[in-house]
Amino acid sequence: MAVKSMSAGHGRCRELPRIGLIVPSLDEGGGVPAVARFLANVACNSGEFSLNLISLSTSSRDPASVRIVSPKSWINGVATRHGTWNQHSYIHVGAHLGELEFMRYLPRKALAEAIEGCDLLQVVAGFPAWANAVTGYGKPVSLQCATRAIVERRMRDRGGWNPPRLLRMGMTQLTDALDRKALRSVDAVQVENPWMLDYVSAVSRGRDVDIRYAPPGIDVATFKPITPRVPSGFSYILCVGRLADPRKNIELLLTAYARLAPALRTRVRLLLAGSTRPSLSFWEKADAFGVREQVTFVDCPSQEELVALYQAATVFALPSDEEGLGIVLLEAMGCGVPVVSTRSGGPEGIISEGVDGYLVPLGMQMHWPLG
């Protein structure tokens, strides 16, 4: 249904331009949904746009997809389901042959129907390949992205020469090609760090495309300091993210914490929070270091709980091997918390070393501004 607004000074109704905001699975947590939430709120609160929010399949087991292992899905075809996310209605769209990663980046009829009434398509994704799903429909496509698939998966694809790893590496190479294809197809690109700006500019050379360095913001009415700070009962170093993701390099943080003086560890805990928990090897290493009792994990905190964790933290730490942006740094800084991060791509565009935080070269131990 078309959304209409009163034209100022004329008393006439006008139809608002409709933005299709396309995002890989909204339910997974992490930086991409946080950016999508920011953009959705800005668009809706402006009063100048209406919004179609569309979530794309990211899982080989997505019941909305046609799956090789599910003959019933061959008959039903790609399905959609409706839901509510952060007070926004959305449509989730499956994929053809969902077990094959590259198929999730391609167009399908159900997605074409979901974007039919949109005037502009805004894709928000970690890497560009996702935009291929909505190019070719005759609608302007704008892409906000943070990194390249081949860079994002650098740690994941390490390991021995075994069939699963070779398959993952092959998919990464294919996705990298789809990244370049998407960048040559969209009408505008917003990037979240300086190195990605250089890469997109090089790939897009010779094309008339709007390329901007445009890191997203945060809601400063939500992520804000509290005065006076309310003690949590203990001091803690905080880390937030999808901690099962190898890119987050959470064992680096554990090692740095274990090297604190024992007297300091009795006063400062390590508190982790996120939508996925650290791996078994992380907890085994915590036992080996003798710090297991000083490490706490908060599973899937609500936004209100997350803000409270930020506001009471002593230090926020981001030990990632790769970050396209690092929006959790912005959230922590918004809450007035000192931050320390590895030089992992995005953080260098956020932190001014020694001014509003600290940056540690990759491969070096983290140090703590605990004074």
Protein backbone atom coordinates (compact mmCIF):
# COMPACT_ATOMS: atom_id res chain seq x y z
CA MET A 1 0.00 0.00 0.00
CA ALA A 2 1.39 3.41 -0.94
CA VAL A 3 2.33 5.68 1.95
CA LYS A 4 1.21 9.28 1.59
CA SER A 5 2.17 12.49 3.37
CA MET A 6 0.71 15.98 3.45
CA SER A 7 2.71 18.42 1.29
CA ALA A 8 3.79 21.35 3.47
CA GLY A 9 1.82 24.52 2.83
CA HIS A 10 -0.43 22.99 0.19
CA GLY A 11 -2.67 20.55 2.06
CA ARG A 12 -2.18 17.93 -0.65
CA CYS A 13 -1.25 14.30 -0.18
CA ARG A 14 1.93 13.12 -1.85
CA GLU A 15 3.25 9.60 -2.17
CA LEU A 16 6.52 9.09 -0.34
CA PRO A 17 9.46 7.57 -2.22
CA ARG A 18 9.86 3.96 -1.14
CA ILE A 19 13.28 2.59 -0.18
CA GLY A 20 13.92 -1.14 -0.30
CA LEU A 21 16.47 -1.85 2.44
CA ILE A 22 18.04 -5.24 1.66
CA VAL A 23 20.11 -6.92 4.38
CA PRO A 24 21.58 -10.42 4.86
CA SER A 25 19.76 -12.21 7.69
CA LEU A 26 18.60 -9.69 10.26
CA ASP A 27 18.54 -12.33 12.99
CA GLU A 28 22.28 -13.01 13.12
CA GLY A 29 23.41 -9.94 15.04
CA GLY A 30 26.69 -8.13 14.46
CA GLY A 31 27.62 -4.95 12.65
CA VAL A 32 25.48 -5.32 9.52
CA PRO A 33 22.11 -5.44 11.35
CA ALA A 34 23.30 -2.55 13.55
CA VAL A 35 23.97 -0.43 10.44
CA ALA A 36 20.62 -1.51 8.96
CA ARG A 37 18.83 -0.51 12.17
CA PHE A 38 20.46 2.92 12.05
CA LEU A 39 19.50 3.50 8.40
CA ALA A 40 15.96 2.17 8.88
CA ASN A 41 15.38 4.48 11.83
CA VAL A 42 16.78 7.49 9.97
CA ALA A 43 14.60 6.80 6.91
CA CYS A 44 11.42 6.27 8.91
CA ASN A 45 11.97 9.17 11.30
CA SER A 46 12.67 11.61 8.47
CA GLY A 47 9.06 11.54 7.29
CA GLU A 48 10.41 11.70 3.73
CA PHE A 49 10.48 8.00 2.86
CA SER A 50 8.57 4.77 3.29
CA LEU A 51 10.46 1.54 3.81
CA ASN A 52 10.42 -2.07 2.62
CA LEU A 53 12.80 -4.05 4.84
CA ILE A 54 13.99 -7.29 3.22
CA SER A 55 16.13 -9.99 4.83
CA LEU A 56 18.11 -12.38 2.62
CA SER A 57 18.91 -16.00 3.41
CA THR A 58 22.40 -16.69 4.77
CA SER A 59 22.01 -20.30 5.95
CA SER A 60 22.23 -23.60 4.09
CA ARG A 61 19.41 -24.84 6.34
CA ASP A 62 17.01 -21.94 5.81
CA PRO A 63 13.49 -23.44 5.53
CA ALA A 64 12.52 -20.61 3.17
CA SER A 65 15.04 -21.84 0.58
CA VAL A 66 14.85 -24.56 -2.04
CA ARG A 67 17.31 -27.09 -0.61
CA ILE A 68 18.98 -30.04 -2.28
CA VAL A 69 18.30 -32.25 0.76
CA SER A 70 14.60 -31.32 0.96
CA PRO A 71 12.60 -32.66 -2.03
CA LYS A 72 9.45 -31.02 -0.65
CA SER A 73 11.05 -27.61 -1.14
CA TRP A 74 11.58 -28.39 -4.84
CA ILE A 75 7.81 -28.31 -5.28
CA ASN A 76 7.10 -25.27 -3.10
CA GLY A 77 9.89 -23.11 -4.52
CA VAL A 78 11.57 -20.17 -2.81
CA ALA A 79 9.41 -19.01 0.07
CA THR A 80 9.05 -15.78 2.01
CA ARG A 81 8.09 -15.18 5.60
CA HIS A 82 7.07 -12.03 7.42
CA GLY A 83 8.31 -10.83 10.77
CA THR A 84 9.03 -7.85 12.98
CA TRP A 85 12.54 -6.67 13.80
CA ASN A 86 13.29 -3.68 16.04
CA GLN A 87 9.69 -2.47 15.52
CA HIS A 88 10.08 -2.65 11.72
CA SER A 89 8.09 -5.15 9.62
CA TYR A 90 10.22 -7.16 7.23
CA ILE A 91 10.08 -9.89 4.58
CA HIS A 92 12.62 -12.72 4.67
CA VAL A 93 13.38 -14.27 1.27
CA GLY A 94 14.92 -17.71 0.76
CA ALA A 95 17.20 -18.77 -2.10
CA HIS A 96 17.45 -21.44 -4.80
CA LEU A 97 19.68 -24.39 -3.80
CA GLY A 98 20.49 -22.73 -0.50
CA GLU A 99 23.31 -25.16 0.34
CA LEU A 100 25.37 -23.53 -2.42
CA GLU A 101 26.60 -20.24 -1.01
CA PHE A 102 26.83 -18.36 -4.31
CA MET A 103 23.13 -19.01 -5.04
CA ARG A 104 22.18 -16.76 -2.12
CA TYR A 105 23.74 -13.83 -3.96
CA LEU A 106 21.66 -14.28 -7.12
CA PRO A 107 18.24 -12.88 -8.17
CA ARG A 108 15.02 -14.87 -7.67
CA LYS A 109 11.36 -14.26 -8.44
CA ALA A 110 10.30 -14.02 -4.79
CA LEU A 111 12.84 -11.24 -4.24
CA ALA A 112 11.74 -9.41 -7.39
CA GLU A 113 8.18 -9.41 -6.03
CA ALA A 114 9.35 -8.10 -2.64
CA ILE A 115 11.07 -5.06 -4.21
CA GLU A 116 8.43 -4.42 -6.88
CA GLY A 117 7.08 -1.16 -5.43
CA CYS A 118 10.45 0.30 -4.43
CA ASP A 119 11.94 3.41 -6.02
CA LEU A 120 15.46 2.85 -4.67
CA LEU A 121 17.25 -0.25 -3.40
CA GLN A 122 19.76 0.17 -0.57
CA VAL A 123 21.83 -2.93 0.16
CA VAL A 124 23.64 -3.11 3.50
CA ALA A 125 26.12 -5.99 3.70
CA GLY A 126 29.52 -6.97 4.96
CA PHE A 127 30.85 -7.54 1.42
CA PRO A 128 29.53 -6.45 -2.02
CA ALA A 129 28.40 -9.81 -3.49
CA TRP A 130 24.97 -9.51 -1.87
CA ALA A 131 24.05 -6.63 -4.20
CA ASN A 132 23.98 -9.04 -7.17
CA ALA A 133 20.62 -10.29 -5.88
CA VAL A 134 18.90 -7.00 -6.79
CA THR A 135 20.83 -5.62 -9.77
CA GLY A 136 19.27 -5.97 -13.20
CA TYR A 137 15.71 -5.03 -12.20
CA GLY A 138 15.88 -1.52 -13.66
CA LYS A 139 15.95 0.12 -10.23
CA PRO A 140 18.81 2.26 -8.87
CA VAL A 141 20.91 0.24 -6.43
CA SER A 142 23.04 1.73 -3.67
CA LEU A 143 25.43 -0.48 -1.69
CA GLN A 144 26.86 0.05 1.78
CA CYS A 145 29.68 -2.41 2.47
CA ALA A 146 32.59 -2.81 4.83
CA THR A 147 35.07 -5.27 3.34
CA ARG A 148 35.77 -7.97 0.75
CA ALA A 149 34.81 -11.61 1.24
CA ILE A 150 38.38 -12.74 0.60
CA VAL A 151 39.65 -10.43 3.37
CA GLU A 152 36.83 -11.21 5.79
CA ARG A 153 37.49 -14.96 5.52
CA ARG A 154 41.26 -14.81 5.84
CA MET A 155 41.32 -16.57 9.22
CA ARG A 156 38.44 -18.94 8.47
CA ASP A 157 40.16 -20.34 5.39
CA ARG A 158 43.43 -21.10 7.14
CA GLY A 159 44.26 -24.70 7.99
CA GLY A 160 45.26 -28.00 6.44
CA TRP A 161 44.70 -29.13 2.87
CA ASN A 162 41.50 -31.10 3.41
CA PRO A 163 38.35 -31.28 1.24
CA PRO A 164 36.17 -29.01 3.47
CA ARG A 165 38.85 -26.31 3.48
CA LEU A 166 39.36 -26.57 -0.27
CA LEU A 167 35.60 -26.21 -0.77
CA ARG A 168 35.53 -23.13 1.48
CA MET A 169 38.46 -21.61 -0.38
CA GLY A 170 36.75 -22.26 -3.71
CA MET A 171 33.57 -20.56 -2.50
CA THR A 172 35.62 -17.62 -1.24
CA GLN A 173 37.26 -17.18 -4.66
CA LEU A 174 33.86 -17.35 -6.36
CA THR A 175 32.41 -14.84 -3.89
CA ASP A 176 35.37 -12.53 -4.51
CA ALA A 177 34.50 -12.56 -8.22
CA LEU A 178 30.88 -11.78 -7.31
CA ASP A 179 32.12 -8.91 -5.14
CA ARG A 180 33.77 -7.34 -8.18
CA LYS A 181 30.72 -8.01 -10.37
CA ALA A 182 28.46 -6.25 -7.86
CA LEU A 183 30.76 -3.22 -7.64
CA ARG A 184 30.63 -2.91 -11.44
CA SER A 185 26.82 -3.10 -11.44
CA VAL A 186 25.56 -0.79 -8.69
CA ASP A 187 24.92 2.93 -9.03
CA ALA A 188 26.38 4.10 -5.72
CA VAL A 189 28.69 2.67 -3.06
CA GLN A 190 29.22 3.77 0.53
CA VAL A 191 32.27 2.26 2.23
CA GLU A 192 33.15 2.16 5.91
CA ASN A 193 36.95 2.39 5.92
CA PRO A 194 39.70 4.05 3.86
CA TRP A 195 41.25 0.90 2.36
CA MET A 196 37.88 -0.23 1.01
CA LEU A 197 37.42 3.22 -0.55
CA ASP A 198 40.67 2.70 -2.48
CA TYR A 199 39.63 -0.79 -3.59
CA VAL A 200 36.14 0.21 -4.76
CA SER A 201 37.57 3.22 -6.62
CA ALA A 202 40.03 0.96 -8.45
CA VAL A 203 37.41 -1.65 -9.41
CA SER A 204 34.96 1.06 -10.54
CA ARG A 205 37.46 3.06 -12.60
CA GLY A 206 35.89 4.29 -15.83
CA ARG A 207 32.30 4.00 -14.53
CA ASP A 208 29.95 6.80 -13.54
CA VAL A 209 29.28 5.67 -9.98
CA ASP A 210 28.88 7.65 -6.76
CA ILE A 211 31.54 6.35 -4.32
CA ARG A 212 31.72 7.76 -0.81
CA TYR A 213 33.55 7.13 2.43
CA ALA A 214 30.48 7.10 4.67
CA PRO A 215 30.87 5.22 7.96
CA PRO A 216 27.46 4.80 9.61
CA GLY A 217 26.59 6.40 12.90
CA ILE A 218 24.97 5.25 16.10
CA ASP A 219 21.96 6.48 18.03
CA VAL A 220 23.59 8.80 20.58
CA ALA A 221 20.30 9.06 22.45
CA THR A 222 20.70 5.34 23.21
CA PHE A 223 24.46 4.84 23.41
CA LYS A 224 25.37 7.57 25.88
CA PRO A 225 27.32 7.85 29.14
CA ILE A 226 25.54 7.81 32.46
CA THR A 227 26.45 10.42 35.06
CA PRO A 228 27.37 9.54 37.67
CA ARG A 229 28.50 6.08 36.59
CA VAL A 230 26.73 3.35 38.53
CA PRO A 231 29.19 0.67 39.76
CA SER A 232 28.41 -2.82 38.45
CA GLY A 233 29.79 -4.49 41.57
CA PHE A 234 33.12 -5.29 39.85
CA SER A 235 35.38 -3.76 37.21
CA TYR A 236 35.53 -5.49 33.85
CA ILE A 237 37.06 -5.44 30.38
CA LEU A 238 34.21 -5.77 27.87
CA CYS A 239 34.19 -7.32 24.40
CA VAL A 240 31.03 -7.56 22.27
CA GLY A 241 30.53 -9.48 19.02
CA ARG A 242 29.76 -12.78 17.33
CA LEU A 243 32.47 -14.47 19.32
CA ALA A 244 32.38 -17.81 17.47
CA ASP A 245 33.56 -15.98 14.33
CA PRO A 246 37.31 -16.68 13.81
CA ARG A 247 37.78 -13.07 12.65
CA LYS A 248 37.02 -11.84 16.16
CA ASN A 249 40.26 -13.46 17.35
CA ILE A 250 38.88 -13.66 20.87
CA GLU A 251 41.71 -15.90 22.08
CA LEU A 252 44.11 -12.96 21.63
CA LEU A 253 42.05 -11.05 24.18
CA LEU A 254 42.05 -14.02 26.54
CA THR A 255 45.85 -14.30 26.30
CA ALA A 256 46.27 -10.58 27.00
CA TYR A 257 43.94 -10.82 29.98
CA ALA A 258 45.79 -13.84 31.38
CA ARG A 259 49.03 -11.82 31.30
CA LEU A 260 47.66 -9.20 33.69
CA ALA A 261 49.18 -9.31 37.14
CA PRO A 262 47.25 -11.79 39.34
CA ALA A 263 46.44 -9.03 41.83
CA LEU A 264 44.85 -6.99 39.04
CA ARG A 265 42.85 -9.95 37.71
CA THR A 266 41.19 -10.31 41.11
CA ARG A 267 39.81 -6.78 40.66
CA VAL A 268 39.14 -6.70 36.89
CA ARG A 269 37.13 -9.43 35.16
CA LEU A 270 36.79 -10.24 31.45
CA LEU A 271 33.17 -9.93 30.33
CA LEU A 272 32.12 -11.13 26.87
CA ALA A 273 28.74 -10.61 25.22
CA GLY A 274 27.26 -11.50 21.87
CA SER A 275 24.93 -13.53 19.70
CA THR A 276 27.36 -16.48 19.51
CA ARG A 277 29.54 -17.80 22.32
CA PRO A 278 33.30 -18.43 22.21
CA SER A 279 34.46 -21.83 20.99
CA LEU A 280 35.28 -24.80 23.18
CA SER A 281 39.00 -24.19 22.57
CA PHE A 282 38.61 -20.72 24.09
CA TRP A 283 37.24 -22.15 27.33
CA GLU A 284 39.90 -24.87 27.37
CA LYS A 285 42.55 -22.19 27.07
CA ALA A 286 40.89 -20.19 29.86
CA ASP A 287 41.14 -23.29 32.08
CA ALA A 288 44.78 -23.77 31.10
CA PHE A 289 45.56 -20.14 31.98
CA GLY A 290 43.77 -20.51 35.31
CA VAL A 291 41.40 -17.60 34.59
CA ARG A 292 38.16 -19.46 33.82
CA GLU A 293 36.45 -18.12 36.95
CA GLN A 294 37.26 -14.53 35.96
CA VAL A 295 35.63 -14.81 32.50
CA THR A 296 31.88 -14.30 32.03
CA PHE A 297 29.79 -14.64 28.86
CA VAL A 298 26.43 -12.88 28.40
CA ASP A 299 24.40 -14.64 25.70
CA CYS A 300 22.34 -12.49 23.29
CA PRO A 301 21.83 -9.40 25.48
CA SER A 302 18.91 -7.14 24.60
CA GLN A 303 19.79 -3.63 23.43
CA GLU A 304 18.95 -2.27 26.88
CA GLU A 305 21.18 -4.87 28.54
CA LEU A 306 23.96 -4.18 26.05
CA VAL A 307 23.89 -0.44 26.70
CA ALA A 308 24.08 -1.09 30.44
CA LEU A 309 27.11 -3.36 29.89
CA TYR A 310 28.87 -0.64 27.90
CA GLN A 311 28.07 2.09 30.41
CA ALA A 312 29.55 0.20 33.37
CA ALA A 313 32.65 -1.17 31.59
CA THR A 314 36.16 -0.17 32.64
CA VAL A 315 37.63 -0.73 29.15
CA PHE A 316 36.23 -1.96 25.84
CA ALA A 317 38.53 -4.24 23.79
CA LEU A 318 38.25 -5.35 20.16
CA PRO A 319 40.90 -7.99 19.29
CA SER A 320 39.70 -8.74 15.73
CA ASP A 321 41.92 -9.95 12.92
CA GLU A 322 39.64 -8.12 10.45
CA GLU A 323 36.92 -5.50 10.92
CA GLY A 324 35.25 -3.64 8.09
CA LEU A 325 34.14 -0.98 10.55
CA GLY A 326 33.85 -2.03 14.18
CA ILE A 327 30.56 -0.40 15.11
CA VAL A 328 30.90 -1.79 18.64
CA LEU A 329 33.76 0.69 19.09
CA LEU A 330 31.41 3.55 18.23
CA GLU A 331 28.82 2.21 20.66
CA ALA A 332 31.39 1.91 23.46
CA MET A 333 32.82 5.37 22.77
CA GLY A 334 29.30 6.78 22.72
CA CYS A 335 28.89 5.39 26.24
CA GLY A 336 32.08 7.12 27.38
CA VAL A 337 34.19 3.95 27.71
CA PRO A 338 37.96 3.87 26.94
CA VAL A 339 38.66 1.64 23.93
CA VAL A 340 41.58 -0.44 22.68
CA SER A 341 41.57 -2.28 19.34
CA THR A 342 43.81 -4.09 16.93
CA ARG A 343 44.64 -2.32 13.67
CA SER A 344 42.23 -4.52 11.75
CA GLY A 345 40.95 -2.20 9.01
CA GLY A 346 37.91 -0.29 10.20
CA PRO A 347 39.15 0.74 13.67
CA GLU A 348 41.92 2.91 12.15
CA GLY A 349 39.19 5.14 10.72
CA ILE A 350 37.49 5.44 14.13
CA ILE A 351 40.25 5.75 16.73
CA SER A 352 42.82 8.54 16.87
CA GLU A 353 45.73 6.81 18.63
CA GLY A 354 46.26 8.16 22.14
CA VAL A 355 43.46 10.72 21.76
CA ASP A 356 40.21 8.78 22.01
CA GLY A 357 41.57 5.24 22.18
CA TYR A 358 44.50 2.93 21.52
CA LEU A 359 45.47 0.84 18.49
CA VAL A 360 47.61 -2.31 18.61
CA PRO A 361 49.32 -3.72 15.48
CA LEU A 362 48.09 -7.15 14.41
CA GLY A 363 50.22 -9.89 15.91
CA MET A 364 51.12 -7.90 19.03
CA GLN A 365 49.69 -8.29 22.53
CA MET A 366 46.99 -5.85 23.59
CA HIS A 367 47.73 -3.35 26.35
CA TRP A 368 45.20 -1.93 28.75
CA PRO A 369 44.34 1.70 29.65
CA LEU A 370 43.34 0.67 33.17
CA GLY A 371 44.87 3.56 35.04
